Amino acid sequence: MYVKLESQRLDFFRSQQEEIRREFLQGLQDSVATGETQAANIGQRIFLPASFIGGPRNMRRKYIDAMTLVQKFGKPDIFLTMTCNPNWPEIKEHLIEKEEAQNHPDLIVRVFRAKFEELKNEILKKNIFGEVAAYTYVIEFQKRGLPHAHFLLILKSQHKMFRPEEYDKIVSTEIPDKVKYLHLYKMVKKHMMHGPCGVLNPSSVCMTKNGKCRHSYPKDFCKETTQTINSYPVYRRSNNGVRVKVRQHYLDNRWVVPYNAYLLAKFDCHINVEICSTIQAVKYIYKYICKGHDRINFHVNSDNPNSHIDEIQQYRAAHWVSPREAGWRLFRFAMGEIKLAVMHLQLHLGNYQPINHFVWLPDEKRWKMRDRGDSIGRINAVHPTEGERYYLRLLLTKVRAPKSFDDLKTYNGVLVRTFREAALLRGLLQDDNNQEHFLEEASLFHMPYELRRLFATLFVYLVLTIPYNYG
């Protein structure tokens, strides 16, 4: 049924390419972005809009939404991965004799969903790691069909961890005492022992071509947890002689995958917990969980359980078919029954920030004050090569409380024809501060190769007034 539905959706988008290309394409920019330089090799491309779940534009949008949380709340503190256990009693008890769980994906998914909701309750309501300011999670399927979730947590400032002693309260990488903690001992042996790989099992799936484990197991023994620069901590792994037999081999603490004792004992499945608060390359972490097409859920949220970034999907500067339609929605801020409130917000917060405090009602074609707290609003970045869109976005972020498009194009009583002329008239293009701000904003979510291309584009399409020395 999934294949049927997916095929129907793809056929629909294939038949709507003329409309989709009108909305999304800027010449051959998409082809050039992929590194293609020969026009003969481009051929007939089928473009999937951002509404196609799992498509490249959809995942790109989700990634940028997640990075918006980083801009507001800071870097993530905990990276948690939970994998479905096909031997959960809730699954086994609903199978007939000799029936395998893999033949009932409906049952597996329902049980996993229930377990995951319970995990969210432990983290977000019971605050077992501390109060959470914002979180992101994605649920996907492994190649063998089992669902698993990646969870990134950003803790509130008063609950953030900075010392190795604090890490040890959350993460453990040692085999527990079999006498004192028998249940936990069984869970670690069953779910949290890596491999074996390396010389013990050269054919393990984690082995690379150079004969090394891609996860760097076995780890080194370590007497105490130590902090590292731009990496996960080196957790305590005592050389206490404790070993367990896993797949015909005896393994010690060097093979233990980092776990949280409470969650592991409670959920009886593989739950990997890592401290990631010191990792500088947070973009790669978020890119990791947005890496493929096999998503079944992607959720972004802040500390208010009722606030969602997705509520501003109606307002996306980079995807406007007509600037007039998008602008009409924005300028409704200055009209109607919420005129005074919005004008007050625009005068104090800037032109687009009122999106944080209002919600767009598409059926009624109007904005209303949020009833359930604020959201996190953003406007998509617009490439400099997009001409008037770029200058329109520049004006929207600089001009406070405009009433119309003509108001944006008017300065000191002079009305001009284009947004570029309006930006020149207001002095927004007289120096390189705008380009510097543009690059600074892009650096928050663009990857290095994208920043290099953008930097070159600025030199080609925009005139820089100051001769920089980048040697």
Protein backbone atom coordinates (compact mmCIF):
# COMPACT_ATOMS: atom_id res chain seq x y z
CA MET A 1 0.00 0.00 0.00
CA TYR A 2 2.88 2.36 0.72
CA VAL A 3 4.37 1.73 -2.72
CA LYS A 4 0.99 2.32 -4.35
CA LEU A 5 0.45 5.62 -2.56
CA GLU A 6 4.00 6.77 -3.21
CA SER A 7 3.68 5.91 -6.90
CA GLN A 8 0.44 7.86 -7.18
CA ARG A 9 1.98 10.90 -5.53
CA LEU A 10 5.02 10.75 -7.81
CA ASP A 11 2.80 10.40 -10.89
CA PHE A 12 0.83 13.45 -9.80
CA PHE A 13 3.94 15.60 -9.40
CA ARG A 14 5.26 14.32 -12.74
CA SER A 15 2.09 15.60 -14.41
CA GLN A 16 2.36 18.97 -12.63
CA GLN A 17 5.92 19.81 -13.63
CA GLU A 18 4.94 22.94 -15.56
CA GLU A 19 3.36 24.46 -12.47
CA ILE A 20 6.10 23.24 -10.12
CA ARG A 21 8.86 24.59 -12.37
CA ARG A 22 7.14 27.95 -12.52
CA GLU A 23 7.16 28.11 -8.74
CA PHE A 24 10.55 26.68 -7.87
CA LEU A 25 13.06 26.79 -10.70
CA GLN A 26 15.46 29.58 -11.44
CA GLY A 27 16.82 28.55 -14.84
CA LEU A 28 19.27 25.68 -14.48
CA GLN A 29 20.33 26.67 -10.97
CA ASP A 30 19.30 23.33 -9.47
CA SER A 31 21.38 21.42 -12.02
CA VAL A 32 24.39 23.64 -11.57
CA ALA A 33 24.07 23.28 -7.79
CA THR A 34 24.55 19.53 -8.14
CA GLY A 35 27.84 20.07 -9.97
CA GLU A 36 26.57 19.36 -13.50
CA THR A 37 28.38 21.53 -16.08
CA GLN A 38 27.42 19.80 -19.35
CA ALA A 39 24.00 20.87 -20.59
CA ALA A 40 23.64 17.66 -22.61
CA ASN A 41 23.78 15.62 -19.41
CA ILE A 42 20.99 17.44 -17.63
CA GLY A 43 18.11 15.80 -19.52
CA GLN A 44 14.51 15.91 -18.32
CA ARG A 45 14.44 16.38 -14.57
CA ILE A 46 11.45 15.73 -12.32
CA PHE A 47 11.33 18.23 -9.47
CA LEU A 48 9.58 17.44 -6.20
CA PRO A 49 8.08 20.38 -4.27
CA ALA A 50 8.62 20.91 -0.55
CA SER A 51 5.18 19.42 0.13
CA PHE A 52 6.46 15.97 -0.95
CA ILE A 53 7.38 14.31 2.33
CA GLY A 54 10.89 12.90 2.27
CA GLY A 55 11.93 14.83 -0.83
CA PRO A 56 15.14 16.91 -0.85
CA ARG A 57 13.31 20.23 -0.54
CA ASN A 58 11.11 18.89 2.24
CA MET A 59 14.11 17.63 4.21
CA ARG A 60 15.96 20.87 3.57
CA ARG A 61 13.02 22.80 5.02
CA LYS A 62 12.92 20.58 8.09
CA TYR A 63 16.65 20.98 8.59
CA ILE A 64 16.43 24.78 8.48
CA ASP A 65 13.45 24.70 10.87
CA ALA A 66 15.56 22.69 13.30
CA MET A 67 18.51 25.05 12.95
CA THR A 68 16.18 27.95 13.78
CA LEU A 69 15.89 26.45 17.26
CA VAL A 70 19.68 26.50 17.55
CA GLN A 71 19.68 30.19 16.67
CA LYS A 72 17.26 30.91 19.50
CA PHE A 73 18.16 28.37 22.20
CA GLY A 74 21.76 27.42 21.49
CA LYS A 75 23.49 24.12 20.75
CA PRO A 76 21.93 20.74 21.61
CA ASP A 77 23.02 19.03 24.83
CA ILE A 78 21.88 15.43 24.43
CA PHE A 79 21.71 13.15 21.37
CA LEU A 80 19.50 10.11 21.98
CA THR A 81 18.73 7.20 19.68
CA MET A 82 15.97 4.68 20.42
CA THR A 83 15.53 1.49 18.35
CA CYS A 84 12.50 -0.78 18.31
CA ASN A 85 12.86 -4.16 20.03
CA PRO A 86 10.91 -6.82 18.05
CA ASN A 87 10.91 -9.01 21.18
CA TRP A 88 8.89 -6.62 23.32
CA PRO A 89 6.14 -8.58 25.16
CA GLU A 90 3.52 -6.22 23.67
CA ILE A 91 4.54 -7.50 20.22
CA LYS A 92 5.11 -11.16 21.05
CA GLU A 93 1.77 -11.65 22.76
CA HIS A 94 -0.09 -10.68 19.59
CA LEU A 95 1.72 -13.17 17.33
CA ILE A 96 0.47 -16.65 16.63
CA GLU A 97 2.74 -19.68 16.93
CA LYS A 98 5.84 -19.57 14.68
CA GLU A 99 4.88 -16.14 13.36
CA GLU A 100 7.66 -13.53 13.08
CA ALA A 101 7.34 -9.91 14.13
CA GLN A 102 8.87 -8.68 10.88
CA ASN A 103 5.74 -9.83 9.05
CA HIS A 104 3.59 -7.41 11.08
CA PRO A 105 4.94 -3.90 10.50
CA ASP A 106 1.59 -2.47 11.58
CA LEU A 107 1.95 -4.06 15.01
CA ILE A 108 5.61 -3.06 15.33
CA VAL A 109 4.90 0.57 14.46
CA ARG A 110 1.96 0.87 16.87
CA VAL A 111 3.92 -0.56 19.79
CA PHE A 112 6.97 1.55 18.97
CA ARG A 113 4.81 4.65 18.80
CA ALA A 114 3.38 3.92 22.26
CA LYS A 115 6.87 3.34 23.69
CA PHE A 116 8.18 6.50 22.07
CA GLU A 117 5.35 8.60 23.47
CA GLU A 118 6.24 7.20 26.89
CA LEU A 119 9.88 8.16 26.29
CA LYS A 120 8.81 11.70 25.41
CA ASN A 121 6.81 11.85 28.62
CA GLU A 122 9.90 10.86 30.64
CA ILE A 123 12.07 13.47 28.94
CA LEU A 124 9.69 16.39 28.44
CA LYS A 125 7.31 16.15 31.39
CA LYS A 126 9.20 14.27 34.10
CA ASN A 127 12.41 16.10 33.06
CA ILE A 128 14.76 13.21 33.82
CA PHE A 129 17.62 15.13 32.13
CA GLY A 130 16.45 18.55 33.32
CA GLU A 131 14.00 21.04 31.83
CA VAL A 132 13.99 21.03 28.05
CA ALA A 133 13.97 24.34 26.18
CA ALA A 134 13.59 22.85 22.70
CA TYR A 135 13.82 19.49 20.98
CA THR A 136 13.93 17.89 17.55
CA TYR A 137 13.28 14.27 16.68
CA VAL A 138 12.98 12.19 13.54
CA ILE A 139 11.62 8.65 13.22
CA GLU A 140 12.88 6.45 10.42
CA PHE A 141 13.06 2.81 9.37
CA GLN A 142 16.23 0.75 9.40
CA LYS A 143 17.10 -1.42 6.43
CA ARG A 144 15.73 -4.45 8.27
CA GLY A 145 12.40 -2.68 8.77
CA LEU A 146 12.53 -1.69 12.43
CA PRO A 147 11.66 1.93 13.29
CA HIS A 148 14.08 3.98 15.34
CA ALA A 149 14.18 7.59 16.50
CA HIS A 150 16.89 10.24 16.73
CA PHE A 151 16.23 12.81 19.47
CA LEU A 152 18.15 16.07 19.96
CA LEU A 153 17.51 17.96 23.22
CA ILE A 154 18.41 21.54 24.08
CA LEU A 155 18.22 22.03 27.85
CA LYS A 156 17.39 25.28 29.58
CA SER A 157 20.41 27.28 30.71
CA GLN A 158 20.07 26.35 34.38
CA HIS A 159 20.08 22.64 33.52
CA LYS A 160 22.96 22.52 31.05
CA MET A 161 25.94 20.27 31.82
CA PHE A 162 29.52 21.54 31.85
CA ARG A 163 31.49 19.08 34.03
CA PRO A 164 32.38 15.40 33.55
CA GLU A 165 30.81 14.63 36.95
CA GLU A 166 27.49 15.78 35.54
CA TYR A 167 27.92 13.57 32.49
CA ASP A 168 28.39 10.49 34.67
CA LYS A 169 24.96 11.05 36.23
CA ILE A 170 23.32 10.67 32.81
CA VAL A 171 25.58 8.45 30.69
CA SER A 172 27.31 5.19 31.55
CA THR A 173 29.64 3.01 29.47
CA GLU A 174 30.31 0.20 31.94
CA ILE A 175 28.89 -3.24 32.55
CA PRO A 176 26.84 -3.00 35.80
CA ASP A 177 27.30 -5.25 38.80
CA LYS A 178 25.52 -8.54 38.12
CA VAL A 179 24.63 -9.11 41.79
CA LYS A 180 23.33 -5.62 42.66
CA TYR A 181 21.71 -4.74 39.33
CA LEU A 182 20.79 -8.01 37.66
CA HIS A 183 18.04 -6.55 35.43
CA LEU A 184 20.25 -3.71 34.19
CA TYR A 185 23.11 -6.18 33.67
CA LYS A 186 20.87 -8.26 31.38
CA MET A 187 19.74 -5.16 29.46
CA VAL A 188 23.31 -3.98 28.84
CA LYS A 189 24.38 -7.43 27.71
CA LYS A 190 21.36 -7.75 25.43
CA HIS A 191 21.19 -4.28 23.85
CA MET A 192 24.28 -2.15 24.50
CA MET A 193 27.30 -4.28 23.58
CA HIS A 194 28.82 -3.34 20.24
CA GLY A 195 30.01 -5.94 17.77
CA PRO A 196 32.16 -7.80 18.24
CA CYS A 197 34.16 -6.52 15.30
CA GLY A 198 37.82 -6.00 14.38
CA VAL A 199 40.07 -9.01 14.86
CA LEU A 200 37.23 -10.83 16.65
CA ASN A 201 34.92 -10.52 13.65
CA PRO A 202 36.50 -8.97 10.51
CA SER A 203 33.28 -9.45 8.52
CA SER A 204 31.16 -7.27 10.82
CA VAL A 205 28.96 -4.72 9.01
CA CYS A 206 30.66 -1.85 10.86
CA MET A 207 34.08 -2.60 9.38
CA THR A 208 35.53 -0.23 6.80
CA LYS A 209 37.81 -1.06 3.86
CA ASN A 210 40.93 -0.29 5.88
CA GLY A 211 39.98 -2.87 8.50
CA LYS A 212 38.83 -0.38 11.15
CA CYS A 213 35.50 -0.12 12.94
CA ARG A 214 33.66 2.99 11.71
CA HIS A 215 32.52 3.58 15.29
CA SER A 216 36.06 3.19 16.67
CA TYR A 217 35.37 0.12 18.82
CA PRO A 218 36.84 -1.21 20.97
CA LYS A 219 37.36 2.05 22.87
CA ASP A 220 40.27 2.62 25.24
CA PHE A 221 39.99 2.09 28.98
CA CYS A 222 39.60 5.38 30.87
CA LYS A 223 39.67 5.89 34.66
CA GLU A 224 37.41 8.94 34.57
CA THR A 225 35.24 10.85 32.13
CA THR A 226 37.10 13.63 30.34
CA GLN A 227 35.91 16.47 28.16
CA THR A 228 37.13 16.74 24.57
CA ILE A 229 37.26 19.57 22.05
CA ASN A 230 34.58 19.44 19.37
CA SER A 231 33.70 15.81 20.02
CA TYR A 232 31.73 13.55 22.33
CA PRO A 233 33.24 13.15 25.82
CA VAL A 234 35.60 10.26 26.56
CA TYR A 235 33.46 8.37 29.06
CA ARG A 236 34.74 6.41 32.04
CA ARG A 237 35.53 2.78 31.16
CA SER A 238 37.17 1.01 34.09
CA ASN A 239 39.53 -1.89 33.50
CA ASN A 240 37.91 -3.92 36.27
CA GLY A 241 38.06 -7.31 34.59
CA VAL A 242 34.27 -7.61 34.17
CA ARG A 243 33.34 -9.35 30.93
CA VAL A 244 30.19 -10.70 29.30
CA LYS A 245 29.79 -13.31 26.59
CA VAL A 246 28.26 -11.85 23.43
CA ARG A 247 28.02 -13.86 20.21
CA GLN A 248 30.66 -16.38 21.21
CA HIS A 249 33.15 -13.74 22.41
CA TYR A 250 33.90 -12.24 25.82
CA LEU A 251 33.66 -8.45 25.80
CA ASP A 252 34.61 -5.90 28.47
CA ASN A 253 33.80 -2.23 29.11
CA ARG A 254 35.58 -1.15 25.94
CA TRP A 255 32.66 -2.50 23.91
CA VAL A 256 29.80 -0.83 25.81
CA VAL A 257 27.70 1.69 23.87
CA PRO A 258 26.87 4.82 25.96
CA TYR A 259 23.50 4.42 27.69
CA ASN A 260 21.28 5.86 30.39
CA ALA A 261 20.64 3.26 33.08
CA TYR A 262 17.09 4.41 33.91
CA LEU A 263 15.84 4.49 30.30
CA LEU A 264 17.55 1.22 29.37
CA ALA A 265 16.06 -0.63 32.33
CA LYS A 266 12.62 0.83 31.67
CA PHE A 267 12.26 0.36 27.91
CA ASP A 268 14.21 -2.87 27.27
CA CYS A 269 15.64 -1.78 23.90
CA HIS A 270 18.72 -0.17 22.39
CA ILE A 271 18.83 3.44 23.68
CA ASN A 272 22.08 5.24 22.94
CA VAL A 273 22.56 8.49 24.91
CA GLU A 274 25.42 10.88 24.12
CA ILE A 275 26.42 14.27 25.54
CA CYS A 276 26.93 16.61 22.57
CA SER A 277 27.03 20.02 24.26
CA THR A 278 30.68 20.64 23.32
CA ILE A 279 30.41 19.70 19.66
CA GLN A 280 30.95 22.83 17.58
CA ALA A 281 29.72 21.44 14.24
CA VAL A 282 26.07 21.28 15.25
CA LYS A 283 25.00 21.64 11.62
CA TYR A 284 26.43 18.18 10.89
CA ILE A 285 24.43 16.68 13.75
CA TYR A 286 21.19 18.10 12.43
CA LYS A 287 22.14 17.22 8.88
CA TYR A 288 22.70 13.63 10.04
CA ILE A 289 19.11 13.22 11.18
CA CYS A 290 17.83 14.82 7.93
CA LYS A 291 19.86 12.62 5.63
CA GLY A 292 17.40 10.46 3.74
CA HIS A 293 14.01 9.72 2.28
CA ASP A 294 12.81 7.02 4.69
CA ARG A 295 11.31 9.42 7.24
CA ILE A 296 7.95 8.67 8.82
CA ASN A 297 7.92 11.67 11.15
CA PHE A 298 9.89 14.82 11.76
CA HIS A 299 9.01 17.14 14.63
CA VAL A 300 10.44 20.43 15.83
CA ASN A 301 9.31 22.14 19.01
CA SER A 302 10.31 24.73 21.59
CA ASP A 303 9.59 24.84 25.31
CA ASN A 304 5.92 25.69 24.68
CA PRO A 305 4.19 22.40 23.75
CA ASN A 306 1.66 24.28 21.64
CA SER A 307 4.11 26.29 19.53
CA HIS A 308 5.28 24.95 16.17
CA ILE A 309 7.51 26.38 13.50
CA ASP A 310 5.34 24.61 10.93
CA GLU A 311 2.56 27.17 11.49
CA ILE A 312 4.45 29.73 9.41
CA GLN A 313 4.71 27.54 6.34
CA GLN A 314 2.25 29.85 4.60
CA TYR A 315 4.86 32.63 4.74
CA ARG A 316 8.02 31.65 2.89
CA ALA A 317 9.84 34.32 0.94
CA ALA A 318 12.02 31.93 -1.05
CA HIS A 319 9.02 30.07 -2.48
CA TRP A 320 6.72 32.92 -3.43
CA VAL A 321 5.05 32.48 -6.81
CA SER A 322 4.06 36.14 -6.69
CA PRO A 323 5.54 38.67 -4.27
CA ARG A 324 2.18 40.42 -4.31
CA GLU A 325 0.32 37.45 -2.80
CA ALA A 326 2.88 36.90 -0.06
CA GLY A 327 3.15 40.59 0.60
CA TRP A 328 -0.62 40.92 0.82
CA ARG A 329 -0.64 38.45 3.67
CA LEU A 330 2.14 40.27 5.46
CA PHE A 331 0.58 43.71 5.12
CA ARG A 332 -2.68 42.48 6.60
CA PHE A 333 -0.74 43.04 9.83
CA ALA A 334 -1.40 46.75 9.40
CA MET A 335 -5.09 46.35 8.66
CA GLY A 336 -8.29 45.03 10.20
CA GLU A 337 -9.20 44.31 13.79
CA ILE A 338 -5.59 43.74 14.98
CA LYS A 339 -4.16 46.90 13.42
CA LEU A 340 -3.09 48.65 16.63
CA ALA A 341 -1.58 45.55 18.23
CA VAL A 342 0.39 44.65 15.13
CA MET A 343 1.59 48.19 14.54
CA HIS A 344 2.89 48.21 18.10
CA LEU A 345 4.75 44.92 17.51
CA GLN A 346 6.18 46.09 14.20
CA LEU A 347 7.46 49.32 15.67
CA HIS A 348 9.23 47.46 18.48
CA LEU A 349 10.12 44.08 16.96
CA GLY A 350 10.69 44.70 13.28
CA ASN A 351 8.67 43.81 10.23
CA TYR A 352 8.59 40.00 10.20
CA GLN A 353 8.91 39.18 13.91
CA PRO A 354 5.15 39.61 14.60
CA ILE A 355 4.82 36.17 12.96
CA ASN A 356 6.03 34.89 16.33
CA HIS A 357 2.93 36.29 18.01
CA PHE A 358 0.23 35.84 15.33
CA VAL A 359 -1.09 32.91 13.31
CA TRP A 360 -2.37 32.99 9.72
CA LEU A 361 -5.90 31.62 9.14
CA PRO A 362 -5.86 30.53 5.47
CA ASP A 363 -9.61 29.92 5.21
CA GLU A 364 -10.49 33.36 6.59
CA LYS A 365 -7.56 35.13 4.90
CA ARG A 366 -6.54 36.98 8.03
CA TRP A 367 -4.13 36.97 10.96
CA LYS A 368 -5.12 36.54 14.59
CA MET A 369 -3.33 36.79 17.92
CA ARG A 370 -1.98 33.44 19.13
CA ASP A 371 -4.07 31.90 21.90
CA ARG A 372 -1.53 29.28 23.02
CA GLY A 373 1.76 31.11 23.39
CA ASP A 374 4.34 32.36 20.94
CA SER A 375 5.98 30.48 18.09
CA ILE A 376 9.36 30.83 16.38
CA GLY A 377 9.07 32.61 13.07
CA ARG A 378 11.57 32.96 10.26
CA ILE A 379 11.72 34.02 6.63
CA ASN A 380 13.56 31.77 4.21
CA ALA A 381 16.79 33.10 2.79
CA VAL A 382 16.65 34.35 -0.79
CA HIS A 383 19.59 33.90 -3.15
CA PRO A 384 21.12 37.12 -4.56
CA THR A 385 20.56 35.82 -8.11
CA GLU A 386 16.78 35.92 -7.59
CA GLY A 387 16.68 39.63 -8.31
CA GLU A 388 13.60 41.44 -7.02
CA ARG A 389 12.84 38.72 -4.47
CA TYR A 390 16.21 39.33 -2.87
CA TYR A 391 15.68 43.07 -2.60
CA LEU A 392 12.10 42.62 -1.40
CA ARG A 393 13.31 40.40 1.44
CA LEU A 394 16.01 42.96 2.26
CA LEU A 395 13.38 45.70 2.53
CA LEU A 396 11.06 43.51 4.61
CA THR A 397 13.81 42.95 7.18
CA LYS A 398 14.83 46.63 7.33
CA VAL A 399 11.64 48.69 6.95
CA ARG A 400 9.33 48.81 9.95
CA ALA A 401 5.53 48.81 9.71
CA PRO A 402 5.03 49.22 5.94
CA LYS A 403 1.45 49.65 4.73
CA SER A 404 1.81 48.43 1.12
CA PHE A 405 4.28 47.64 -1.62
CA ASP A 406 4.24 51.26 -2.69
CA ASP A 407 5.10 52.17 0.89
CA LEU A 408 8.16 49.92 0.64
CA LYS A 409 9.15 51.59 -2.63
CA THR A 410 8.72 55.09 -1.21
CA TYR A 411 11.41 56.99 0.69
CA ASN A 412 11.32 60.69 1.58
CA GLY A 413 8.30 61.12 -0.66
CA VAL A 414 9.97 59.54 -3.71
CA LEU A 415 8.25 56.48 -5.26
CA VAL A 416 10.43 54.21 -7.41
CA ARG A 417 9.53 51.33 -9.72
CA THR A 418 11.53 48.38 -8.35
CA PHE A 419 12.56 47.03 -4.98
CA ARG A 420 16.21 47.30 -6.00
CA GLU A 421 15.80 51.01 -6.62
CA ALA A 422 14.06 51.31 -3.24
CA ALA A 423 16.98 49.58 -1.53
CA LEU A 424 19.43 51.91 -3.27
CA LEU A 425 17.33 54.94 -2.32
CA ARG A 426 17.36 53.92 1.35
CA GLY A 427 21.13 53.45 1.27
CA LEU A 428 20.95 49.71 1.96
CA LEU A 429 23.41 48.94 -0.86
CA GLN A 430 25.90 51.74 -0.31
CA ASP A 431 28.29 49.66 1.77
CA ASP A 432 29.04 46.00 2.37
CA ASN A 433 27.28 45.70 5.72
CA ASN A 434 24.32 44.07 4.01
CA GLN A 435 26.52 41.44 2.33
CA GLU A 436 28.29 40.77 5.61
CA HIS A 437 24.95 40.36 7.36
CA PHE A 438 23.78 38.10 4.53
CA LEU A 439 26.81 35.82 4.91
CA GLU A 440 26.52 35.86 8.70
CA GLU A 441 22.89 34.80 8.50
CA ALA A 442 23.66 32.09 5.95
CA SER A 443 26.47 30.72 8.13
CA LEU A 444 23.91 29.70 10.73
CA PHE A 445 22.48 26.90 8.60
CA HIS A 446 24.43 26.56 5.32
CA MET A 447 27.07 23.87 4.96
CA PRO A 448 30.69 24.89 4.07
CA TYR A 449 30.43 24.08 0.34
CA GLU A 450 27.24 26.16 0.14
CA LEU A 451 28.91 29.10 1.86
CA ARG A 452 31.82 28.98 -0.57
CA ARG A 453 29.46 29.05 -3.55
CA LEU A 454 27.44 31.86 -2.00
CA PHE A 455 30.58 33.88 -1.31
CA ALA A 456 31.61 33.57 -4.95
CA THR A 457 28.09 34.52 -6.08
CA LEU A 458 28.23 37.74 -4.09
CA PHE A 459 31.38 38.74 -5.98
CA VAL A 460 29.80 37.95 -9.34
CA TYR A 461 26.34 39.50 -8.92
CA LEU A 462 26.86 42.23 -6.32
CA VAL A 463 29.26 45.14 -6.34
CA LEU A 464 31.41 45.26 -3.22
CA THR A 465 32.50 48.74 -2.22
CA ILE A 466 35.43 47.79 0.00
CA PRO A 467 38.39 45.82 -1.44
CA TYR A 468 38.75 43.09 1.17
CA ASN A 469 41.96 41.20 1.75
CA TYR A 470 41.06 37.53 2.23
CA GLY A 471 44.63 36.25 1.98
